[in-house]
Amino acid sequence: MATEQHLRQQLAAASRLAALFGWEDTLYTHFSVRLPGDGEPRFLINPFGMMFDEVTASNLIVVDMQGKV
């Protein structure tokens, strides 16, 4: 099973590749990934307003189903 750190690295890499290929067309475009674990689902997502080429594994945020950080 993938760890949170591994998923952070993969999601940041996907964001940077999207920027490299010019796929970041609007502010509302995003990638997200569900974190493993039991209980309420949690997701990694880039902070609002951050461009894809700015995304790093450490600045991704965790949100729940209600959007609480």
Protein backbone atom coordinates (compact mmCIF):
# COMPACT_ATOMS: atom_id res chain seq x y z
CA MET A 1 0.00 0.00 0.00
CA ALA A 2 1.27 3.47 -0.86
CA THR A 3 2.26 5.77 1.98
CA GLU A 4 1.10 9.36 2.31
CA GLN A 5 4.61 10.58 1.48
CA HIS A 6 4.74 8.49 -1.69
CA LEU A 7 1.32 9.78 -2.78
CA ARG A 8 2.43 13.36 -2.06
CA GLN A 9 5.46 12.90 -4.30
CA GLN A 10 3.41 11.32 -7.08
CA LEU A 11 0.72 14.01 -6.97
CA ALA A 12 3.31 16.81 -7.00
CA ALA A 13 5.03 15.14 -9.97
CA ALA A 14 1.72 14.90 -11.85
CA SER A 15 1.09 18.60 -11.22
CA ARG A 16 4.53 19.58 -12.46
CA LEU A 17 4.15 17.43 -15.57
CA ALA A 18 0.81 19.11 -16.28
CA ALA A 19 2.57 22.50 -16.07
CA LEU A 20 5.38 21.28 -18.32
CA PHE A 21 2.90 20.18 -20.99
CA GLY A 22 0.73 23.30 -20.66
CA TRP A 23 -2.27 21.52 -19.19
CA GLU A 24 -2.97 24.10 -16.48
CA ASP A 25 -5.58 26.13 -18.29
CA THR A 26 -7.61 27.62 -15.43
CA LEU A 27 -7.44 28.35 -11.72
CA TYR A 28 -9.96 25.62 -10.97
CA THR A 29 -8.04 22.78 -12.63
CA HIS A 30 -6.62 20.33 -10.09
CA PHE A 31 -5.48 16.81 -9.37
CA SER A 32 -6.30 15.04 -6.15
CA VAL A 33 -5.66 11.66 -4.57
CA ARG A 34 -7.47 9.77 -1.81
CA LEU A 35 -5.29 8.85 1.14
CA PRO A 36 -5.29 5.24 2.30
CA GLY A 37 -6.88 4.29 5.58
CA ASP A 38 -10.10 3.39 7.28
CA GLY A 39 -12.62 5.93 8.46
CA GLU A 40 -13.70 9.10 6.74
CA PRO A 41 -12.03 9.58 3.35
CA ARG A 42 -9.27 12.20 3.19
CA PHE A 43 -7.70 13.65 0.08
CA LEU A 44 -4.51 15.42 -0.94
CA ILE A 45 -4.99 18.50 -3.10
CA ASN A 46 -3.03 21.59 -4.05
CA PRO A 47 -3.97 24.78 -2.15
CA PHE A 48 -6.41 27.10 -3.91
CA GLY A 49 -4.67 29.53 -6.22
CA MET A 50 -1.39 27.63 -6.44
CA MET A 51 -0.16 27.07 -9.98
CA PHE A 52 0.87 23.55 -11.00
CA ASP A 53 4.52 24.52 -11.37
CA GLU A 54 4.53 25.68 -7.71
CA VAL A 55 3.22 22.42 -6.25
CA THR A 56 5.58 20.39 -4.08
CA ALA A 57 4.97 17.32 -1.94
CA SER A 58 5.23 19.43 1.22
CA ASN A 59 2.72 22.13 0.27
CA LEU A 60 -0.14 19.79 -0.65
CA ILE A 61 -2.97 19.95 1.87
CA VAL A 62 -5.20 17.23 3.33
CA VAL A 63 -8.95 17.79 3.19
CA ASP A 64 -11.92 15.70 4.30
CA MET A 65 -15.24 15.12 2.52
CA GLN A 66 -16.57 18.44 3.87
CA GLY A 67 -13.54 20.34 2.56
CA LYS A 68 -12.07 20.94 6.02
CA VAL A 69 -8.29 21.29 5.99
